[in-house]
């Protein structure tokens, strides 16, 4: 195609959204005008979003999902584009997470977003507001993004989700007693789903714990693997198998050392867990 602008999805969340929109449109053999007609927008507007010159509004993203038959995939990614309080690299994780066949998580200190109740997520977000780390508007967007990400767990077919929580996740109180109790109940419900496995890595594992920081491993529909990890300032999505495969091996070792799901659920259900 003449004058077709090449996009770098790693450049920014906006560029990643544009690239995804273009790919979905190309897969259907549609022109920008074809998609525009189905969405109720102009071809010029579609072009501006695809090339990263214009940010997708919530209405635009929802309209694109309806036209393309992609559930809430673009709505989730569009939310990440607008979320300025996110670490660099996190929007790319959200996109890949929404299409992954298998999700493996290891978390330290807090319940991971995919398993958070709205109340738990809100307490964390408001705490960040009080510290001056984000604005109230950004806090609302964070909570909304948590809910949008969780929709990936109930898509058809649903992904297989493996979660290992460091014991600190269930020991650390977040919010009032009722908030923490509801969050722990949510974990138990999650463990009962047919496509999930939940384990707790107890403090007693000590040096046998292979990870010191949270880790996310995704198996994509083509069976390729990607990993995601965060530093204090940015997140990084790794696609090179040379680096990802050893992390998968370490994750399997973590699962072997952690408590069984039955033991983990009993630990989570123990009265008084998660309270001061």
C-alpha atoms as a PDB file:
ATOM      1  CA  UNK A   1       0.000   0.000   0.000  1.00  0.00           C
ATOM      2  CA  UNK A   2       1.372   3.435  -0.996  1.00  0.00           C
ATOM      3  CA  UNK A   3       2.393   5.748   1.871  1.00  0.00           C
ATOM      4  CA  UNK A   4       1.349   3.206   4.509  1.00  0.00           C
ATOM      5  CA  UNK A   5       2.896   4.404   7.744  1.00  0.00           C
ATOM      6  CA  UNK A   6       4.787   1.723   9.639  1.00  0.00           C
ATOM      7  CA  UNK A   7       3.936   1.559  13.329  1.00  0.00           C
ATOM      8  CA  UNK A   8       6.082   0.625  16.307  1.00  0.00           C
ATOM      9  CA  UNK A   9       3.772  -0.819  18.976  1.00  0.00           C
ATOM     10  CA  UNK A  10       6.605  -0.602  21.527  1.00  0.00           C
ATOM     11  CA  UNK A  11       6.810   3.173  21.141  1.00  0.00           C
ATOM     12  CA  UNK A  12       3.753   4.023  23.209  1.00  0.00           C
ATOM     13  CA  UNK A  13       0.373   2.642  24.370  1.00  0.00           C
ATOM     14  CA  UNK A  14      -1.278   4.811  21.720  1.00  0.00           C
ATOM     15  CA  UNK A  15       0.893   3.271  18.982  1.00  0.00           C
ATOM     16  CA  UNK A  16       0.177  -0.234  20.292  1.00  0.00           C
ATOM     17  CA  UNK A  17      -3.574   0.434  20.106  1.00  0.00           C
ATOM     18  CA  UNK A  18      -3.256   1.773  16.561  1.00  0.00           C
ATOM     19  CA  UNK A  19      -1.250  -1.242  15.463  1.00  0.00           C
ATOM     20  CA  UNK A  20      -3.769  -3.647  16.988  1.00  0.00           C
ATOM     21  CA  UNK A  21      -6.686  -1.856  15.348  1.00  0.00           C
ATOM     22  CA  UNK A  22      -4.970  -1.940  11.958  1.00  0.00           C
ATOM     23  CA  UNK A  23      -4.091  -5.630  12.313  1.00  0.00           C
ATOM     24  CA  UNK A  24      -7.681  -6.576  13.179  1.00  0.00           C
ATOM     25  CA  UNK A  25      -8.984  -4.526  10.258  1.00  0.00           C
ATOM     26  CA  UNK A  26      -6.463  -6.034   7.812  1.00  0.00           C
ATOM     27  CA  UNK A  27      -7.363  -9.558   8.944  1.00  0.00           C
ATOM     28  CA  UNK A  28     -10.922  -8.914   7.777  1.00  0.00           C
ATOM     29  CA  UNK A  29      -9.853  -7.397   4.490  1.00  0.00           C
ATOM     30  CA  UNK A  30     -11.492  -4.082   5.323  1.00  0.00           C
ATOM     31  CA  UNK A  31     -10.353  -0.623   4.308  1.00  0.00           C
ATOM     32  CA  UNK A  32     -10.359   2.222   6.796  1.00  0.00           C
ATOM     33  CA  UNK A  33     -13.571   3.467   5.194  1.00  0.00           C
ATOM     34  CA  UNK A  34     -15.133  -0.004   5.575  1.00  0.00           C
ATOM     35  CA  UNK A  35     -14.416   0.002   9.298  1.00  0.00           C
ATOM     36  CA  UNK A  36     -15.461   3.627   9.632  1.00  0.00           C
ATOM     37  CA  UNK A  37     -18.872   2.884   8.116  1.00  0.00           C
ATOM     38  CA  UNK A  38     -19.433  -0.001  10.524  1.00  0.00           C
ATOM     39  CA  UNK A  39     -18.420   2.146  13.511  1.00  0.00           C
ATOM     40  CA  UNK A  40     -20.128   5.400  12.566  1.00  0.00           C
ATOM     41  CA  UNK A  41     -16.889   7.330  12.217  1.00  0.00           C
ATOM     42  CA  UNK A  42     -14.989   8.821   9.282  1.00  0.00           C
ATOM     43  CA  UNK A  43     -12.126   7.097   7.505  1.00  0.00           C
ATOM     44  CA  UNK A  44      -9.943  10.049   8.488  1.00  0.00           C
ATOM     45  CA  UNK A  45     -10.711   9.403  12.165  1.00  0.00           C
ATOM     46  CA  UNK A  46      -9.806   5.711  11.810  1.00  0.00           C
ATOM     47  CA  UNK A  47      -6.535   6.691  10.117  1.00  0.00           C
ATOM     48  CA  UNK A  48      -5.665   9.135  12.889  1.00  0.00           C
ATOM     49  CA  UNK A  49      -6.174   6.494  15.590  1.00  0.00           C
ATOM     50  CA  UNK A  50      -4.295   3.795  13.671  1.00  0.00           C
ATOM     51  CA  UNK A  51      -1.272   6.054  13.205  1.00  0.00           C
ATOM     52  CA  UNK A  52      -1.249   7.252  16.818  1.00  0.00           C
ATOM     53  CA  UNK A  53      -2.197  10.815  15.994  1.00  0.00           C
ATOM     54  CA  UNK A  54      -5.435  10.547  17.932  1.00  0.00           C
ATOM     55  CA  UNK A  55      -6.219   8.711  21.180  1.00  0.00           C
ATOM     56  CA  UNK A  56      -9.143   6.263  21.243  1.00  0.00           C
ATOM     57  CA  UNK A  57     -12.047   7.477  23.378  1.00  0.00           C
ATOM     58  CA  UNK A  58     -14.052   4.928  25.390  1.00  0.00           C
ATOM     59  CA  UNK A  59     -16.886   5.223  22.835  1.00  0.00           C
ATOM     60  CA  UNK A  60     -14.485   4.683  19.937  1.00  0.00           C
ATOM     61  CA  UNK A  61     -12.956   1.576  21.541  1.00  0.00           C
ATOM     62  CA  UNK A  62     -16.360   0.063  22.339  1.00  0.00           C
ATOM     63  CA  UNK A  63     -17.583   0.791  18.794  1.00  0.00           C
ATOM     64  CA  UNK A  64     -14.480  -0.869  17.363  1.00  0.00           C
ATOM     65  CA  UNK A  65     -15.041  -3.956  19.528  1.00  0.00           C
ATOM     66  CA  UNK A  66     -18.627  -4.231  18.308  1.00  0.00           C
ATOM     67  CA  UNK A  67     -17.675  -3.777  14.657  1.00  0.00           C
ATOM     68  CA  UNK A  68     -14.751  -6.201  14.821  1.00  0.00           C
ATOM     69  CA  UNK A  69     -16.394  -8.742  17.117  1.00  0.00           C
ATOM     70  CA  UNK A  70     -13.543  -8.592  19.642  1.00  0.00           C
ATOM     71  CA  UNK A  71     -15.542  -8.613  22.881  1.00  0.00           C
ATOM     72  CA  UNK A  72     -13.998  -5.952  25.140  1.00  0.00           C
ATOM     73  CA  UNK A  73     -10.418  -6.395  23.936  1.00  0.00           C
ATOM     74  CA  UNK A  74     -10.006  -2.916  22.438  1.00  0.00           C
ATOM     75  CA  UNK A  75     -11.943  -1.292  25.273  1.00  0.00           C
ATOM     76  CA  UNK A  76      -9.428  -2.745  27.739  1.00  0.00           C
ATOM     77  CA  UNK A  77      -6.483  -1.644  25.645  1.00  0.00           C
ATOM     78  CA  UNK A  78      -8.004   1.797  25.121  1.00  0.00           C
ATOM     79  CA  UNK A  79      -8.367   2.180  28.874  1.00  0.00           C
ATOM     80  CA  UNK A  80      -4.661   1.430  29.235  1.00  0.00           C
ATOM     81  CA  UNK A  81      -3.859   4.106  26.645  1.00  0.00           C
ATOM     82  CA  UNK A  82      -5.676   6.730  28.711  1.00  0.00           C
ATOM     83  CA  UNK A  83      -4.203   5.591  32.009  1.00  0.00           C
ATOM     84  CA  UNK A  84      -1.239   7.902  32.486  1.00  0.00           C
ATOM     85  CA  UNK A  85      -0.466   6.519  35.961  1.00  0.00           C
ATOM     86  CA  UNK A  86       0.599   3.154  34.537  1.00  0.00           C
ATOM     87  CA  UNK A  87       4.201   2.074  34.377  1.00  0.00           C
ATOM     88  CA  UNK A  88       5.814   2.118  30.966  1.00  0.00           C
ATOM     89  CA  UNK A  89       5.301  -1.316  29.414  1.00  0.00           C
ATOM     90  CA  UNK A  90       2.160  -2.202  31.371  1.00  0.00           C
ATOM     91  CA  UNK A  91      -0.317  -1.382  28.567  1.00  0.00           C
ATOM     92  CA  UNK A  92       1.480  -3.907  26.367  1.00  0.00           C
ATOM     93  CA  UNK A  93       0.957  -6.521  29.094  1.00  0.00           C
ATOM     94  CA  UNK A  94      -2.762  -5.708  29.228  1.00  0.00           C
ATOM     95  CA  UNK A  95      -3.079  -6.299  25.495  1.00  0.00           C
ATOM     96  CA  UNK A  96      -1.261  -9.649  25.556  1.00  0.00           C
ATOM     97  CA  UNK A  97      -3.056 -10.739  28.731  1.00  0.00           C
ATOM     98  CA  UNK A  98      -6.411 -10.246  27.015  1.00  0.00           C
ATOM     99  CA  UNK A  99      -5.575 -12.846  24.371  1.00  0.00           C
ATOM    100  CA  UNK A 100      -3.358 -15.280  26.315  1.00  0.00           C
ATOM    101  CA  UNK A 101      -4.282 -18.963  26.441  1.00  0.00           C
ATOM    102  CA  UNK A 102      -2.456 -19.427  29.755  1.00  0.00           C
ATOM    103  CA  UNK A 103      -1.599 -16.881  32.452  1.00  0.00           C
ATOM    104  CA  UNK A 104       0.920 -17.557  35.212  1.00  0.00           C
ATOM    105  CA  UNK A 105       1.342 -15.057  38.047  1.00  0.00           C
ATOM    106  CA  UNK A 106       3.581 -14.740  41.060  1.00  0.00           C
ATOM    107  CA  UNK A 107       2.856 -11.792  43.345  1.00  0.00           C
ATOM    108  CA  UNK A 108       4.431 -10.357  46.490  1.00  0.00           C
ATOM    109  CA  UNK A 109       2.769  -8.089  49.046  1.00  0.00           C
ATOM    110  CA  UNK A 110      -0.572  -7.408  47.329  1.00  0.00           C
ATOM    111  CA  UNK A 111      -3.277  -9.437  45.633  1.00  0.00           C
ATOM    112  CA  UNK A 112      -2.725  -9.248  41.836  1.00  0.00           C
ATOM    113  CA  UNK A 113      -5.109  -7.070  39.844  1.00  0.00           C
ATOM    114  CA  UNK A 114      -6.766  -9.988  38.078  1.00  0.00           C
ATOM    115  CA  UNK A 115      -8.022 -11.253  41.459  1.00  0.00           C
ATOM    116  CA  UNK A 116      -8.776  -7.981  43.263  1.00  0.00           C
ATOM    117  CA  UNK A 117     -12.243  -6.999  44.443  1.00  0.00           C
ATOM    118  CA  UNK A 118     -13.311  -3.439  43.498  1.00  0.00           C
ATOM    119  CA  UNK A 119     -13.092  -2.410  47.164  1.00  0.00           C
ATOM    120  CA  UNK A 120      -9.554  -3.766  47.568  1.00  0.00           C
ATOM    121  CA  UNK A 121      -8.464  -2.097  44.318  1.00  0.00           C
ATOM    122  CA  UNK A 122     -10.040   1.167  45.445  1.00  0.00           C
ATOM    123  CA  UNK A 123      -8.180   1.162  48.770  1.00  0.00           C
ATOM    124  CA  UNK A 124      -4.850   0.708  46.978  1.00  0.00           C
ATOM    125  CA  UNK A 125      -5.669   3.439  44.465  1.00  0.00           C
ATOM    126  CA  UNK A 126      -6.804   5.919  47.116  1.00  0.00           C
ATOM    127  CA  UNK A 127      -3.670   5.217  49.126  1.00  0.00           C
ATOM    128  CA  UNK A 128      -1.635   6.239  46.072  1.00  0.00           C
ATOM    129  CA  UNK A 129      -3.693   9.450  45.855  1.00  0.00           C
ATOM    130  CA  UNK A 130      -2.949  10.272  49.513  1.00  0.00           C
ATOM    131  CA  UNK A 131       0.777   9.805  48.840  1.00  0.00           C
ATOM    132  CA  UNK A 132       0.524  12.216  45.922  1.00  0.00           C
ATOM    133  CA  UNK A 133       1.580   9.525  43.460  1.00  0.00           C
ATOM    134  CA  UNK A 134      -1.537   9.843  41.268  1.00  0.00           C
ATOM    135  CA  UNK A 135      -4.611  12.039  40.941  1.00  0.00           C
ATOM    136  CA  UNK A 136      -8.153  11.114  41.941  1.00  0.00           C
ATOM    137  CA  UNK A 137      -9.039  10.782  38.261  1.00  0.00           C
ATOM    138  CA  UNK A 138      -6.132   8.402  37.713  1.00  0.00           C
ATOM    139  CA  UNK A 139      -7.231   6.397  40.752  1.00  0.00           C
ATOM    140  CA  UNK A 140     -10.666   5.951  39.206  1.00  0.00           C
ATOM    141  CA  UNK A 141      -9.046   4.832  35.957  1.00  0.00           C
ATOM    142  CA  UNK A 142      -6.883   2.300  37.804  1.00  0.00           C
ATOM    143  CA  UNK A 143      -9.922   0.743  39.458  1.00  0.00           C
ATOM    144  CA  UNK A 144     -11.790   0.681  36.138  1.00  0.00           C
ATOM    145  CA  UNK A 145      -8.829  -0.975  34.434  1.00  0.00           C
ATOM    146  CA  UNK A 146      -8.747  -3.714  37.096  1.00  0.00           C
ATOM    147  CA  UNK A 147     -12.382  -4.525  36.318  1.00  0.00           C
ATOM    148  CA  UNK A 148     -11.777  -4.415  32.564  1.00  0.00           C
ATOM    149  CA  UNK A 149      -8.778  -6.757  32.819  1.00  0.00           C
ATOM    150  CA  UNK A 150     -10.810  -9.293  34.791  1.00  0.00           C
ATOM    151  CA  UNK A 151     -13.176  -9.689  31.853  1.00  0.00           C
ATOM    152  CA  UNK A 152     -10.386 -11.637  30.157  1.00  0.00           C
ATOM    153  CA  UNK A 153     -10.945 -14.439  32.672  1.00  0.00           C
ATOM    154  CA  UNK A 154     -14.509 -15.083  31.488  1.00  0.00           C
ATOM    155  CA  UNK A 155     -14.029 -14.893  27.736  1.00  0.00           C
ATOM    156  CA  UNK A 156     -14.721 -17.922  25.536  1.00  0.00           C
ATOM    157  CA  UNK A 157     -12.665 -20.017  25.738  1.00  0.00           C
ATOM    158  CA  UNK A 158     -11.326 -18.826  29.108  1.00  0.00           C
ATOM    159  CA  UNK A 159      -7.576 -18.867  29.748  1.00  0.00           C
ATOM    160  CA  UNK A 160      -5.947 -21.273  32.155  1.00  0.00           C
ATOM    161  CA  UNK A 161      -4.769 -19.184  35.100  1.00  0.00           C
ATOM    162  CA  UNK A 162      -2.088 -20.295  37.554  1.00  0.00           C
ATOM    163  CA  UNK A 163      -1.450 -18.018  40.534  1.00  0.00           C
ATOM    164  CA  UNK A 164       1.161 -18.343  43.262  1.00  0.00           C
ATOM    165  CA  UNK A 165       0.865 -15.760  46.037  1.00  0.00           C
ATOM    166  CA  UNK A 166       3.662 -15.038  48.440  1.00  0.00           C
ATOM    167  CA  UNK A 167       2.265 -15.448  51.955  1.00  0.00           C
ATOM    168  CA  UNK A 168       2.688 -11.696  52.443  1.00  0.00           C
ATOM    169  CA  UNK A 169      -0.230 -11.142  50.038  1.00  0.00           C
ATOM    170  CA  UNK A 170      -2.726 -12.689  52.439  1.00  0.00           C
ATOM    171  CA  UNK A 171      -1.019 -11.518  55.641  1.00  0.00           C
ATOM    172  CA  UNK A 172      -0.851  -7.825  54.724  1.00  0.00           C
ATOM    173  CA  UNK A 173      -4.069  -6.011  55.714  1.00  0.00           C
ATOM    174  CA  UNK A 174      -5.462  -3.661  53.077  1.00  0.00           C
ATOM    175  CA  UNK A 175      -8.400  -1.471  54.088  1.00  0.00           C
ATOM    176  CA  UNK A 176     -10.951  -2.251  56.761  1.00  0.00           C
ATOM    177  CA  UNK A 177     -11.524  -5.768  58.048  1.00  0.00           C
ATOM    178  CA  UNK A 178     -14.558  -6.239  55.792  1.00  0.00           C
ATOM    179  CA  UNK A 179     -12.539  -5.297  52.696  1.00  0.00           C
ATOM    180  CA  UNK A 180      -9.859  -7.849  53.461  1.00  0.00           C
ATOM    181  CA  UNK A 181     -12.345 -10.558  54.380  1.00  0.00           C
ATOM    182  CA  UNK A 182     -14.195 -10.073  51.086  1.00  0.00           C
ATOM    183  CA  UNK A 183     -10.909 -10.153  49.187  1.00  0.00           C
ATOM    184  CA  UNK A 184      -9.863 -13.421  50.792  1.00  0.00           C
ATOM    185  CA  UNK A 185     -13.292 -14.875  50.035  1.00  0.00           C
ATOM    186  CA  UNK A 186     -12.766 -13.855  46.427  1.00  0.00           C
ATOM    187  CA  UNK A 187      -9.515 -15.851  46.363  1.00  0.00           C
ATOM    188  CA  UNK A 188     -11.336 -18.943  47.567  1.00  0.00           C
ATOM    189  CA  UNK A 189     -13.962 -18.492  44.852  1.00  0.00           C
ATOM    190  CA  UNK A 190     -11.208 -18.108  42.272  1.00  0.00           C
ATOM    191  CA  UNK A 191      -9.603 -21.373  43.402  1.00  0.00           C
ATOM    192  CA  UNK A 192     -12.892 -23.204  42.823  1.00  0.00           C
ATOM    193  CA  UNK A 193     -13.067 -22.305  39.128  1.00  0.00           C
ATOM    194  CA  UNK A 194     -12.372 -25.190  36.702  1.00  0.00           C
ATOM    195  CA  UNK A 195      -9.667 -23.274  34.802  1.00  0.00           C
ATOM    196  CA  UNK A 196      -7.619 -21.967  37.728  1.00  0.00           C
ATOM    197  CA  UNK A 197      -4.979 -23.099  40.201  1.00  0.00           C
ATOM    198  CA  UNK A 198      -4.195 -21.025  43.306  1.00  0.00           C
ATOM    199  CA  UNK A 199      -1.240 -21.679  45.608  1.00  0.00           C
ATOM    200  CA  UNK A 200       0.460 -19.853  48.459  1.00  0.00           C
ATOM    201  CA  UNK A 201       4.250 -19.746  48.767  1.00  0.00           C
ATOM    202  CA  UNK A 202       4.732 -19.786  52.565  1.00  0.00           C
ATOM    203  CA  UNK A 203       7.372 -17.767  54.358  1.00  0.00           C
ATOM    204  CA  UNK A 204       8.964 -21.064  55.359  1.00  0.00           C
ATOM    205  CA  UNK A 205      10.152 -21.581  51.778  1.00  0.00           C
ATOM    206  CA  UNK A 206      12.927 -19.122  52.545  1.00  0.00           C
ATOM    207  CA  UNK A 207      15.751 -19.206  50.013  1.00  0.00           C
ATOM    208  CA  UNK A 208      14.014 -21.929  47.989  1.00  0.00           C
ATOM    209  CA  UNK A 209      11.732 -19.261  46.514  1.00  0.00           C
ATOM    210  CA  UNK A 210      13.102 -18.686  42.975  1.00  0.00           C
ATOM    211  CA  UNK A 211      11.674 -15.158  42.528  1.00  0.00           C
ATOM    212  CA  UNK A 212      12.169 -12.065  44.656  1.00  0.00           C
ATOM    213  CA  UNK A 213       9.864  -9.853  42.565  1.00  0.00           C
ATOM    214  CA  UNK A 214       6.435 -10.337  40.961  1.00  0.00           C
ATOM    215  CA  UNK A 215       6.436 -12.207  37.670  1.00  0.00           C
ATOM    216  CA  UNK A 216       3.887 -12.695  34.890  1.00  0.00           C
ATOM    217  CA  UNK A 217       4.234 -15.400  32.228  1.00  0.00           C
ATOM    218  CA  UNK A 218       1.830 -15.618  29.301  1.00  0.00           C
ATOM    219  CA  UNK A 219       1.314 -18.411  26.795  1.00  0.00           C
ATOM    220  CA  UNK A 220      -0.198 -16.875  23.666  1.00  0.00           C
ATOM    221  CA  UNK A 221      -2.595 -18.671  21.279  1.00  0.00           C
ATOM    222  CA  UNK A 222       0.306 -19.660  18.991  1.00  0.00           C
ATOM    223  CA  UNK A 223       2.012 -21.224  22.075  1.00  0.00           C
ATOM    224  CA  UNK A 224       4.742 -18.593  22.122  1.00  0.00           C
ATOM    225  CA  UNK A 225       5.757 -17.298  25.554  1.00  0.00           C
ATOM    226  CA  UNK A 226       6.211 -13.803  26.913  1.00  0.00           C
ATOM    227  CA  UNK A 227       7.146 -12.636  30.388  1.00  0.00           C
ATOM    228  CA  UNK A 228       6.552  -9.376  32.193  1.00  0.00           C
ATOM    229  CA  UNK A 229       8.413  -7.957  35.164  1.00  0.00           C
ATOM    230  CA  UNK A 230       8.598  -4.535  36.791  1.00  0.00           C
ATOM    231  CA  UNK A 231      11.283  -2.393  38.339  1.00  0.00           C
ATOM    232  CA  UNK A 232      10.462   0.661  40.435  1.00  0.00           C
ATOM    233  CA  UNK A 233      10.144   2.828  37.327  1.00  0.00           C
ATOM    234  CA  UNK A 234       9.050   0.686  34.386  1.00  0.00           C
ATOM    235  CA  UNK A 235       7.697  -2.644  33.249  1.00  0.00           C
ATOM    236  CA  UNK A 236       9.250  -4.807  30.565  1.00  0.00           C
ATOM    237  CA  UNK A 237       7.593  -7.344  28.271  1.00  0.00           C
ATOM    238  CA  UNK A 238      10.123  -9.973  27.173  1.00  0.00           C
ATOM    239  CA  UNK A 239       9.536 -12.127  24.095  1.00  0.00           C
ATOM    240  CA  UNK A 240      12.974 -13.681  23.635  1.00  0.00           C
ATOM    241  CA  UNK A 241      12.677 -17.382  24.489  1.00  0.00           C
ATOM    242  CA  UNK A 242      16.281 -17.482  25.709  1.00  0.00           C
ATOM    243  CA  UNK A 243      15.173 -15.374  28.673  1.00  0.00           C
ATOM    244  CA  UNK A 244      11.567 -16.531  29.052  1.00  0.00           C
ATOM    245  CA  UNK A 245      12.047 -20.312  29.151  1.00  0.00           C
ATOM    246  CA  UNK A 246      14.310 -20.266  32.256  1.00  0.00           C
ATOM    247  CA  UNK A 247      11.645 -18.202  34.000  1.00  0.00           C
ATOM    248  CA  UNK A 248       9.014 -20.792  33.100  1.00  0.00           C
ATOM    249  CA  UNK A 249      11.241 -23.511  34.547  1.00  0.00           C
ATOM    250  CA  UNK A 250      11.682 -21.470  37.736  1.00  0.00           C
ATOM    251  CA  UNK A 251       7.914 -20.980  37.935  1.00  0.00           C
ATOM    252  CA  UNK A 252       7.355 -24.743  37.798  1.00  0.00           C
ATOM    253  CA  UNK A 253       9.894 -25.115  40.629  1.00  0.00           C
ATOM    254  CA  UNK A 254       7.996 -22.482  42.601  1.00  0.00           C
ATOM    255  CA  UNK A 255       4.740 -24.398  42.148  1.00  0.00           C
ATOM    256  CA  UNK A 256       6.403 -27.628  43.309  1.00  0.00           C
ATOM    257  CA  UNK A 257       7.662 -25.966  46.511  1.00  0.00           C
ATOM    258  CA  UNK A 258       4.496 -23.982  47.284  1.00  0.00           C
ATOM    259  CA  UNK A 259       1.550 -25.294  49.280  1.00  0.00           C
ATOM    260  CA  UNK A 260      -0.999 -27.374  47.400  1.00  0.00           C
ATOM    261  CA  UNK A 261      -4.229 -25.664  46.398  1.00  0.00           C
ATOM    262  CA  UNK A 262      -6.130 -27.391  49.201  1.00  0.00           C
ATOM    263  CA  UNK A 263      -3.527 -26.323  51.767  1.00  0.00           C
ATOM    264  CA  UNK A 264      -3.490 -22.811  50.327  1.00  0.00           C
ATOM    265  CA  UNK A 265      -7.264 -22.428  50.495  1.00  0.00           C
ATOM    266  CA  UNK A 266      -7.220 -23.627  54.108  1.00  0.00           C
ATOM    267  CA  UNK A 267      -4.555 -21.035  54.915  1.00  0.00           C
ATOM    268  CA  UNK A 268      -6.544 -18.252  53.221  1.00  0.00           C
ATOM    269  CA  UNK A 269      -9.772 -19.323  54.934  1.00  0.00           C
ATOM    270  CA  UNK A 270      -8.271 -19.357  58.402  1.00  0.00           C
ATOM    271  CA  UNK A 271     -10.168 -16.870  60.617  1.00  0.00           C
ATOM    272  CA  UNK A 272      -8.406 -13.583  61.166  1.00  0.00           C
ATOM    273  CA  UNK A 273      -6.175 -13.824  58.099  1.00  0.00           C
ATOM    274  CA  UNK A 274      -5.356 -10.467  56.594  1.00  0.00           C
ATOM    275  CA  UNK A 275      -6.240  -8.495  59.743  1.00  0.00           C
ATOM    276  CA  UNK A 276      -3.849  -6.577  61.998  1.00  0.00           C
END
